[in-house]
């Protein structure tokens, strides 16, 4: 009886396991063929925190610290989002997989903003993929009578230095000068003739250079190009500073 029961059970068990394997395989194939799932994962990554920036300020007190923090976390930036798969970018256009027009919307700029009146510093963490301009941050703080110590502002992470008043030759000279100074792990300068801007894409290492050191290095090269702004994250083309 036991032998007959075993002979009857084994085929049924094998059939059950085979069916389970087929369902798993079909599920994996569906995942591989689902571009929307991949885009949703990519879109989710875009709203993760970016590189934190901690800098010294003056005017920060116990009484205004909460107000300053709230004003910073309330800062928004315009992005373009697909309502189908939530793909996000800095410029208008269409989402290729969904064939939908991207919708302009305002999204939070920072995942956190932490003022510390004890140390006289503020730490902000931009959302990855969002556009943060030094000029915008400076302007928002000035509205609350907070002054950035610009000389000691760290140019951390990957950023773009925007300089005005230069030439193509200046761009090449600035790229070499910054590279030789070893202030950043990587330096790449381009010149936009239409706007007259030199745009220097830089990537800082674990110890980012301070803004004053970068300015003095550029000034020492003898060009007329002056730093106009610093931009982190995505940026529409052409740049407007």
C-alpha atoms as a PDB file:
ATOM      1  CA  UNK A   1       0.000   0.000   0.000  1.00  0.00           C
ATOM      2  CA  UNK A   2       2.823   2.406   0.913  1.00  0.00           C
ATOM      3  CA  UNK A   3       4.567   1.719  -2.408  1.00  0.00           C
ATOM      4  CA  UNK A   4       1.406   2.418  -4.395  1.00  0.00           C
ATOM      5  CA  UNK A   5       0.763   5.617  -2.379  1.00  0.00           C
ATOM      6  CA  UNK A   6       4.316   6.809  -3.087  1.00  0.00           C
ATOM      7  CA  UNK A   7       3.960   6.104  -6.812  1.00  0.00           C
ATOM      8  CA  UNK A   8       0.745   8.137  -6.858  1.00  0.00           C
ATOM      9  CA  UNK A   9       2.111  11.071  -4.825  1.00  0.00           C
ATOM     10  CA  UNK A  10       5.417  11.626  -6.658  1.00  0.00           C
ATOM     11  CA  UNK A  11       3.926  12.579 -10.071  1.00  0.00           C
ATOM     12  CA  UNK A  12       1.503  14.951  -8.386  1.00  0.00           C
ATOM     13  CA  UNK A  13       4.332  16.543  -6.398  1.00  0.00           C
ATOM     14  CA  UNK A  14       6.496  16.884  -9.504  1.00  0.00           C
ATOM     15  CA  UNK A  15       3.631  18.508 -11.396  1.00  0.00           C
ATOM     16  CA  UNK A  16       3.081  20.979  -8.552  1.00  0.00           C
ATOM     17  CA  UNK A  17       6.784  21.943  -8.458  1.00  0.00           C
ATOM     18  CA  UNK A  18       6.904  22.298 -12.249  1.00  0.00           C
ATOM     19  CA  UNK A  19       3.869  24.601 -12.238  1.00  0.00           C
ATOM     20  CA  UNK A  20       5.462  26.726  -9.521  1.00  0.00           C
ATOM     21  CA  UNK A  21       8.677  27.036 -11.545  1.00  0.00           C
ATOM     22  CA  UNK A  22       6.768  28.111 -14.635  1.00  0.00           C
ATOM     23  CA  UNK A  23       4.872  30.815 -12.710  1.00  0.00           C
ATOM     24  CA  UNK A  24       8.129  32.148 -11.232  1.00  0.00           C
ATOM     25  CA  UNK A  25       9.809  32.191 -14.648  1.00  0.00           C
ATOM     26  CA  UNK A  26       6.851  34.017 -16.219  1.00  0.00           C
ATOM     27  CA  UNK A  27       6.937  36.584 -13.423  1.00  0.00           C
ATOM     28  CA  UNK A  28      10.670  37.212 -13.963  1.00  0.00           C
ATOM     29  CA  UNK A  29      10.179  37.601 -17.722  1.00  0.00           C
ATOM     30  CA  UNK A  30       7.350  40.068 -17.129  1.00  0.00           C
ATOM     31  CA  UNK A  31       9.588  42.117 -14.838  1.00  0.00           C
ATOM     32  CA  UNK A  32      12.360  42.177 -17.452  1.00  0.00           C
ATOM     33  CA  UNK A  33       9.891  43.294 -20.132  1.00  0.00           C
ATOM     34  CA  UNK A  34       8.256  46.002 -18.006  1.00  0.00           C
ATOM     35  CA  UNK A  35       9.982  49.308 -18.853  1.00  0.00           C
ATOM     36  CA  UNK A  36       7.605  51.183 -16.589  1.00  0.00           C
ATOM     37  CA  UNK A  37       8.788  49.235 -13.583  1.00  0.00           C
ATOM     38  CA  UNK A  38      12.391  50.102 -14.396  1.00  0.00           C
ATOM     39  CA  UNK A  39      11.522  53.771 -14.881  1.00  0.00           C
ATOM     40  CA  UNK A  40       9.588  53.862 -11.618  1.00  0.00           C
ATOM     41  CA  UNK A  41      12.654  52.476  -9.860  1.00  0.00           C
ATOM     42  CA  UNK A  42      14.824  55.098 -11.556  1.00  0.00           C
ATOM     43  CA  UNK A  43      12.373  57.849 -10.671  1.00  0.00           C
ATOM     44  CA  UNK A  44      12.378  56.738  -7.051  1.00  0.00           C
ATOM     45  CA  UNK A  45      16.168  56.989  -6.999  1.00  0.00           C
ATOM     46  CA  UNK A  46      15.957  60.572  -8.228  1.00  0.00           C
ATOM     47  CA  UNK A  47      14.218  61.762  -5.092  1.00  0.00           C
ATOM     48  CA  UNK A  48      16.788  60.281  -2.744  1.00  0.00           C
ATOM     49  CA  UNK A  49      18.999  62.771  -0.871  1.00  0.00           C
ATOM     50  CA  UNK A  50      21.904  64.356  -2.719  1.00  0.00           C
ATOM     51  CA  UNK A  51      25.229  65.575  -1.296  1.00  0.00           C
ATOM     52  CA  UNK A  52      24.794  67.525   1.972  1.00  0.00           C
ATOM     53  CA  UNK A  53      26.191  71.076   2.153  1.00  0.00           C
ATOM     54  CA  UNK A  54      27.132  72.480   5.553  1.00  0.00           C
ATOM     55  CA  UNK A  55      28.237  76.111   5.724  1.00  0.00           C
ATOM     56  CA  UNK A  56      28.794  78.959   8.173  1.00  0.00           C
ATOM     57  CA  UNK A  57      26.370  81.882   8.443  1.00  0.00           C
ATOM     58  CA  UNK A  58      25.874  85.027  10.484  1.00  0.00           C
ATOM     59  CA  UNK A  59      22.585  86.302  11.912  1.00  0.00           C
ATOM     60  CA  UNK A  60      21.297  82.914  13.040  1.00  0.00           C
ATOM     61  CA  UNK A  61      19.789  82.960  16.544  1.00  0.00           C
ATOM     62  CA  UNK A  62      17.728  80.750  18.805  1.00  0.00           C
ATOM     63  CA  UNK A  63      14.671  82.859  18.016  1.00  0.00           C
ATOM     64  CA  UNK A  64      14.881  82.685  14.212  1.00  0.00           C
ATOM     65  CA  UNK A  65      16.394  79.202  13.696  1.00  0.00           C
ATOM     66  CA  UNK A  66      13.024  77.440  13.279  1.00  0.00           C
ATOM     67  CA  UNK A  67      11.770  80.097  10.856  1.00  0.00           C
ATOM     68  CA  UNK A  68      14.941  79.823   8.760  1.00  0.00           C
ATOM     69  CA  UNK A  69      14.652  76.037   8.644  1.00  0.00           C
ATOM     70  CA  UNK A  70      11.011  76.247   7.556  1.00  0.00           C
ATOM     71  CA  UNK A  71      11.786  78.780   4.813  1.00  0.00           C
ATOM     72  CA  UNK A  72      14.481  76.490   3.422  1.00  0.00           C
ATOM     73  CA  UNK A  73      12.362  73.324   3.465  1.00  0.00           C
ATOM     74  CA  UNK A  74       9.628  75.324   1.717  1.00  0.00           C
ATOM     75  CA  UNK A  75      11.901  76.105  -1.243  1.00  0.00           C
ATOM     76  CA  UNK A  76      10.740  74.487  -4.475  1.00  0.00           C
ATOM     77  CA  UNK A  77      12.117  74.002  -7.966  1.00  0.00           C
ATOM     78  CA  UNK A  78      10.284  73.391 -11.246  1.00  0.00           C
ATOM     79  CA  UNK A  79      10.614  69.951 -12.788  1.00  0.00           C
ATOM     80  CA  UNK A  80       8.791  68.071 -15.549  1.00  0.00           C
ATOM     81  CA  UNK A  81       7.145  64.779 -14.592  1.00  0.00           C
ATOM     82  CA  UNK A  82       5.401  61.999 -16.538  1.00  0.00           C
ATOM     83  CA  UNK A  83       2.023  61.295 -14.933  1.00  0.00           C
ATOM     84  CA  UNK A  84       2.240  57.698 -16.170  1.00  0.00           C
ATOM     85  CA  UNK A  85       5.570  56.428 -14.840  1.00  0.00           C
ATOM     86  CA  UNK A  86       6.718  59.415 -12.728  1.00  0.00           C
ATOM     87  CA  UNK A  87       9.887  59.935 -14.781  1.00  0.00           C
ATOM     88  CA  UNK A  88      11.324  63.358 -13.902  1.00  0.00           C
ATOM     89  CA  UNK A  89      13.640  65.771 -15.729  1.00  0.00           C
ATOM     90  CA  UNK A  90      14.626  69.438 -15.730  1.00  0.00           C
ATOM     91  CA  UNK A  91      13.331  70.284 -19.227  1.00  0.00           C
ATOM     92  CA  UNK A  92       9.986  69.988 -21.021  1.00  0.00           C
ATOM     93  CA  UNK A  93       9.375  67.137 -23.459  1.00  0.00           C
ATOM     94  CA  UNK A  94       7.643  63.784 -23.850  1.00  0.00           C
ATOM     95  CA  UNK A  95       8.072  60.509 -21.999  1.00  0.00           C
ATOM     96  CA  UNK A  96       9.142  57.956 -24.620  1.00  0.00           C
ATOM     97  CA  UNK A  97       7.784  54.770 -22.979  1.00  0.00           C
ATOM     98  CA  UNK A  98       4.425  56.349 -22.062  1.00  0.00           C
ATOM     99  CA  UNK A  99       4.168  58.716 -25.065  1.00  0.00           C
ATOM    100  CA  UNK A 100       2.843  61.420 -22.734  1.00  0.00           C
ATOM    101  CA  UNK A 101       3.767  65.071 -22.446  1.00  0.00           C
ATOM    102  CA  UNK A 102       5.742  65.826 -19.289  1.00  0.00           C
ATOM    103  CA  UNK A 103       3.847  68.049 -16.888  1.00  0.00           C
ATOM    104  CA  UNK A 104       5.500  71.068 -15.241  1.00  0.00           C
ATOM    105  CA  UNK A 105       5.240  70.941 -11.471  1.00  0.00           C
ATOM    106  CA  UNK A 106       6.907  72.357  -8.383  1.00  0.00           C
ATOM    107  CA  UNK A 107       8.754  69.955  -6.114  1.00  0.00           C
ATOM    108  CA  UNK A 108      10.652  70.422  -2.818  1.00  0.00           C
ATOM    109  CA  UNK A 109      14.303  71.337  -3.280  1.00  0.00           C
ATOM    110  CA  UNK A 110      15.680  69.977  -0.010  1.00  0.00           C
ATOM    111  CA  UNK A 111      15.125  66.710   1.815  1.00  0.00           C
ATOM    112  CA  UNK A 112      16.341  68.435   4.979  1.00  0.00           C
ATOM    113  CA  UNK A 113      17.513  71.828   6.223  1.00  0.00           C
ATOM    114  CA  UNK A 114      19.046  71.992   9.689  1.00  0.00           C
ATOM    115  CA  UNK A 115      20.059  75.388  11.126  1.00  0.00           C
ATOM    116  CA  UNK A 116      22.262  75.313  14.243  1.00  0.00           C
ATOM    117  CA  UNK A 117      22.486  78.624  16.084  1.00  0.00           C
ATOM    118  CA  UNK A 118      24.940  77.030  18.554  1.00  0.00           C
ATOM    119  CA  UNK A 119      27.558  76.463  15.841  1.00  0.00           C
ATOM    120  CA  UNK A 120      26.379  79.221  13.491  1.00  0.00           C
ATOM    121  CA  UNK A 121      25.956  76.775  10.625  1.00  0.00           C
ATOM    122  CA  UNK A 122      23.251  75.440   8.333  1.00  0.00           C
ATOM    123  CA  UNK A 123      23.196  71.993   6.737  1.00  0.00           C
ATOM    124  CA  UNK A 124      21.032  71.435   3.673  1.00  0.00           C
ATOM    125  CA  UNK A 125      20.613  68.255   1.666  1.00  0.00           C
ATOM    126  CA  UNK A 126      19.256  68.784  -1.864  1.00  0.00           C
ATOM    127  CA  UNK A 127      17.116  66.106  -3.435  1.00  0.00           C
ATOM    128  CA  UNK A 128      19.146  64.271  -6.048  1.00  0.00           C
ATOM    129  CA  UNK A 129      18.293  65.515  -9.527  1.00  0.00           C
ATOM    130  CA  UNK A 130      16.855  68.822  -8.335  1.00  0.00           C
ATOM    131  CA  UNK A 131      18.547  72.092  -9.281  1.00  0.00           C
ATOM    132  CA  UNK A 132      20.153  74.117  -6.496  1.00  0.00           C
ATOM    133  CA  UNK A 133      21.818  77.434  -7.255  1.00  0.00           C
ATOM    134  CA  UNK A 134      24.132  79.149  -4.805  1.00  0.00           C
ATOM    135  CA  UNK A 135      22.506  82.466  -5.733  1.00  0.00           C
ATOM    136  CA  UNK A 136      19.046  81.082  -4.931  1.00  0.00           C
ATOM    137  CA  UNK A 137      20.169  79.745  -1.566  1.00  0.00           C
ATOM    138  CA  UNK A 138      21.877  83.024  -0.734  1.00  0.00           C
ATOM    139  CA  UNK A 139      18.796  85.050  -1.711  1.00  0.00           C
ATOM    140  CA  UNK A 140      16.428  82.893   0.349  1.00  0.00           C
ATOM    141  CA  UNK A 141      18.590  83.310   3.447  1.00  0.00           C
ATOM    142  CA  UNK A 142      18.988  87.050   2.976  1.00  0.00           C
ATOM    143  CA  UNK A 143      15.193  87.384   3.184  1.00  0.00           C
ATOM    144  CA  UNK A 144      15.561  86.156   6.758  1.00  0.00           C
ATOM    145  CA  UNK A 145      18.583  88.413   7.434  1.00  0.00           C
ATOM    146  CA  UNK A 146      20.983  85.439   7.306  1.00  0.00           C
ATOM    147  CA  UNK A 147      24.316  86.029   5.586  1.00  0.00           C
ATOM    148  CA  UNK A 148      26.359  83.144   4.166  1.00  0.00           C
ATOM    149  CA  UNK A 149      30.090  83.188   4.904  1.00  0.00           C
ATOM    150  CA  UNK A 150      30.792  82.854   1.187  1.00  0.00           C
ATOM    151  CA  UNK A 151      34.556  82.420   1.620  1.00  0.00           C
ATOM    152  CA  UNK A 152      34.024  79.269   3.692  1.00  0.00           C
ATOM    153  CA  UNK A 153      31.250  77.786   1.587  1.00  0.00           C
ATOM    154  CA  UNK A 154      32.270  74.222   0.534  1.00  0.00           C
ATOM    155  CA  UNK A 155      31.858  73.346  -3.147  1.00  0.00           C
ATOM    156  CA  UNK A 156      30.978  69.733  -2.392  1.00  0.00           C
ATOM    157  CA  UNK A 157      29.823  66.959  -4.686  1.00  0.00           C
ATOM    158  CA  UNK A 158      29.357  67.450  -8.418  1.00  0.00           C
ATOM    159  CA  UNK A 159      28.666  71.061  -9.396  1.00  0.00           C
ATOM    160  CA  UNK A 160      28.929  73.529 -12.265  1.00  0.00           C
ATOM    161  CA  UNK A 161      30.770  76.810 -11.890  1.00  0.00           C
ATOM    162  CA  UNK A 162      29.281  79.510 -14.107  1.00  0.00           C
ATOM    163  CA  UNK A 163      31.698  82.311 -15.061  1.00  0.00           C
ATOM    164  CA  UNK A 164      30.964  85.443 -17.086  1.00  0.00           C
ATOM    165  CA  UNK A 165      33.273  87.680 -19.101  1.00  0.00           C
ATOM    166  CA  UNK A 166      35.550  84.982 -20.477  1.00  0.00           C
ATOM    167  CA  UNK A 167      36.534  83.442 -23.798  1.00  0.00           C
ATOM    168  CA  UNK A 168      37.160  79.971 -25.210  1.00  0.00           C
ATOM    169  CA  UNK A 169      40.864  80.393 -24.476  1.00  0.00           C
ATOM    170  CA  UNK A 170      40.012  81.407 -20.914  1.00  0.00           C
ATOM    171  CA  UNK A 171      37.939  78.247 -20.502  1.00  0.00           C
ATOM    172  CA  UNK A 172      40.890  76.055 -21.446  1.00  0.00           C
ATOM    173  CA  UNK A 173      43.193  78.002 -19.140  1.00  0.00           C
ATOM    174  CA  UNK A 174      40.767  77.775 -16.215  1.00  0.00           C
ATOM    175  CA  UNK A 175      40.299  74.047 -16.727  1.00  0.00           C
ATOM    176  CA  UNK A 176      44.057  73.491 -16.638  1.00  0.00           C
ATOM    177  CA  UNK A 177      44.544  75.849 -13.686  1.00  0.00           C
ATOM    178  CA  UNK A 178      41.933  74.128 -11.532  1.00  0.00           C
ATOM    179  CA  UNK A 179      43.178  70.690 -12.522  1.00  0.00           C
ATOM    180  CA  UNK A 180      46.788  71.614 -11.674  1.00  0.00           C
ATOM    181  CA  UNK A 181      45.675  73.016  -8.312  1.00  0.00           C
ATOM    182  CA  UNK A 182      44.110  69.625  -7.513  1.00  0.00           C
ATOM    183  CA  UNK A 183      41.142  71.240  -5.806  1.00  0.00           C
ATOM    184  CA  UNK A 184      38.729  68.756  -7.403  1.00  0.00           C
ATOM    185  CA  UNK A 185      38.862  65.122  -8.455  1.00  0.00           C
ATOM    186  CA  UNK A 186      37.735  66.096 -11.954  1.00  0.00           C
ATOM    187  CA  UNK A 187      37.427  69.347 -13.946  1.00  0.00           C
ATOM    188  CA  UNK A 188      35.876  69.959 -17.372  1.00  0.00           C
ATOM    189  CA  UNK A 189      35.353  73.482 -18.788  1.00  0.00           C
ATOM    190  CA  UNK A 190      33.247  74.507 -21.795  1.00  0.00           C
ATOM    191  CA  UNK A 191      32.552  77.874 -23.374  1.00  0.00           C
ATOM    192  CA  UNK A 192      29.113  78.867 -24.659  1.00  0.00           C
ATOM    193  CA  UNK A 193      29.559  81.613 -27.242  1.00  0.00           C
ATOM    194  CA  UNK A 194      25.839  82.504 -27.320  1.00  0.00           C
ATOM    195  CA  UNK A 195      25.681  83.385 -23.636  1.00  0.00           C
ATOM    196  CA  UNK A 196      29.352  84.218 -23.115  1.00  0.00           C
ATOM    197  CA  UNK A 197      29.452  81.778 -20.195  1.00  0.00           C
ATOM    198  CA  UNK A 198      32.255  79.500 -19.154  1.00  0.00           C
ATOM    199  CA  UNK A 199      30.736  76.431 -17.523  1.00  0.00           C
ATOM    200  CA  UNK A 200      33.111  74.351 -15.453  1.00  0.00           C
ATOM    201  CA  UNK A 201      31.838  70.953 -14.329  1.00  0.00           C
ATOM    202  CA  UNK A 202      33.705  69.889 -11.213  1.00  0.00           C
ATOM    203  CA  UNK A 203      33.547  66.948  -8.830  1.00  0.00           C
ATOM    204  CA  UNK A 204      34.924  67.331  -5.323  1.00  0.00           C
ATOM    205  CA  UNK A 205      36.549  64.584  -3.291  1.00  0.00           C
ATOM    206  CA  UNK A 206      35.981  63.781   0.360  1.00  0.00           C
ATOM    207  CA  UNK A 207      37.389  67.170   1.390  1.00  0.00           C
ATOM    208  CA  UNK A 208      35.713  69.790  -0.853  1.00  0.00           C
ATOM    209  CA  UNK A 209      37.499  73.102  -1.508  1.00  0.00           C
ATOM    210  CA  UNK A 210      36.115  76.306  -0.089  1.00  0.00           C
ATOM    211  CA  UNK A 211      34.649  78.892  -2.452  1.00  0.00           C
ATOM    212  CA  UNK A 212      37.361  81.445  -1.584  1.00  0.00           C
ATOM    213  CA  UNK A 213      40.139  79.033  -2.599  1.00  0.00           C
ATOM    214  CA  UNK A 214      38.483  78.324  -5.933  1.00  0.00           C
ATOM    215  CA  UNK A 215      38.005  82.062  -6.588  1.00  0.00           C
ATOM    216  CA  UNK A 216      41.612  82.906  -5.751  1.00  0.00           C
ATOM    217  CA  UNK A 217      42.860  80.105  -8.018  1.00  0.00           C
ATOM    218  CA  UNK A 218      40.774  81.398 -10.935  1.00  0.00           C
ATOM    219  CA  UNK A 219      41.728  85.048 -10.304  1.00  0.00           C
ATOM    220  CA  UNK A 220      45.424  84.134 -10.239  1.00  0.00           C
ATOM    221  CA  UNK A 221      45.161  82.919 -13.848  1.00  0.00           C
ATOM    222  CA  UNK A 222      44.772  86.512 -15.011  1.00  0.00           C
ATOM    223  CA  UNK A 223      41.542  86.127 -16.990  1.00  0.00           C
ATOM    224  CA  UNK A 224      38.610  88.525 -16.789  1.00  0.00           C
ATOM    225  CA  UNK A 225      36.187  85.689 -16.115  1.00  0.00           C
ATOM    226  CA  UNK A 226      34.313  86.072 -12.845  1.00  0.00           C
ATOM    227  CA  UNK A 227      32.326  83.465 -10.956  1.00  0.00           C
ATOM    228  CA  UNK A 228      28.627  84.246 -11.349  1.00  0.00           C
ATOM    229  CA  UNK A 229      26.983  81.207  -9.764  1.00  0.00           C
ATOM    230  CA  UNK A 230      27.412  77.604  -8.664  1.00  0.00           C
ATOM    231  CA  UNK A 231      24.809  75.008  -9.634  1.00  0.00           C
ATOM    232  CA  UNK A 232      24.193  71.528  -8.238  1.00  0.00           C
ATOM    233  CA  UNK A 233      21.915  68.964  -9.856  1.00  0.00           C
ATOM    234  CA  UNK A 234      20.044  69.161 -13.159  1.00  0.00           C
ATOM    235  CA  UNK A 235      20.034  72.328 -15.215  1.00  0.00           C
ATOM    236  CA  UNK A 236      17.946  73.367 -18.218  1.00  0.00           C
ATOM    237  CA  UNK A 237      19.789  74.471 -21.347  1.00  0.00           C
ATOM    238  CA  UNK A 238      20.723  77.254 -21.841  1.00  0.00           C
ATOM    239  CA  UNK A 239      21.718  78.182 -18.324  1.00  0.00           C
ATOM    240  CA  UNK A 240      20.211  81.366 -16.940  1.00  0.00           C
ATOM    241  CA  UNK A 241      21.993  82.998 -14.032  1.00  0.00           C
END
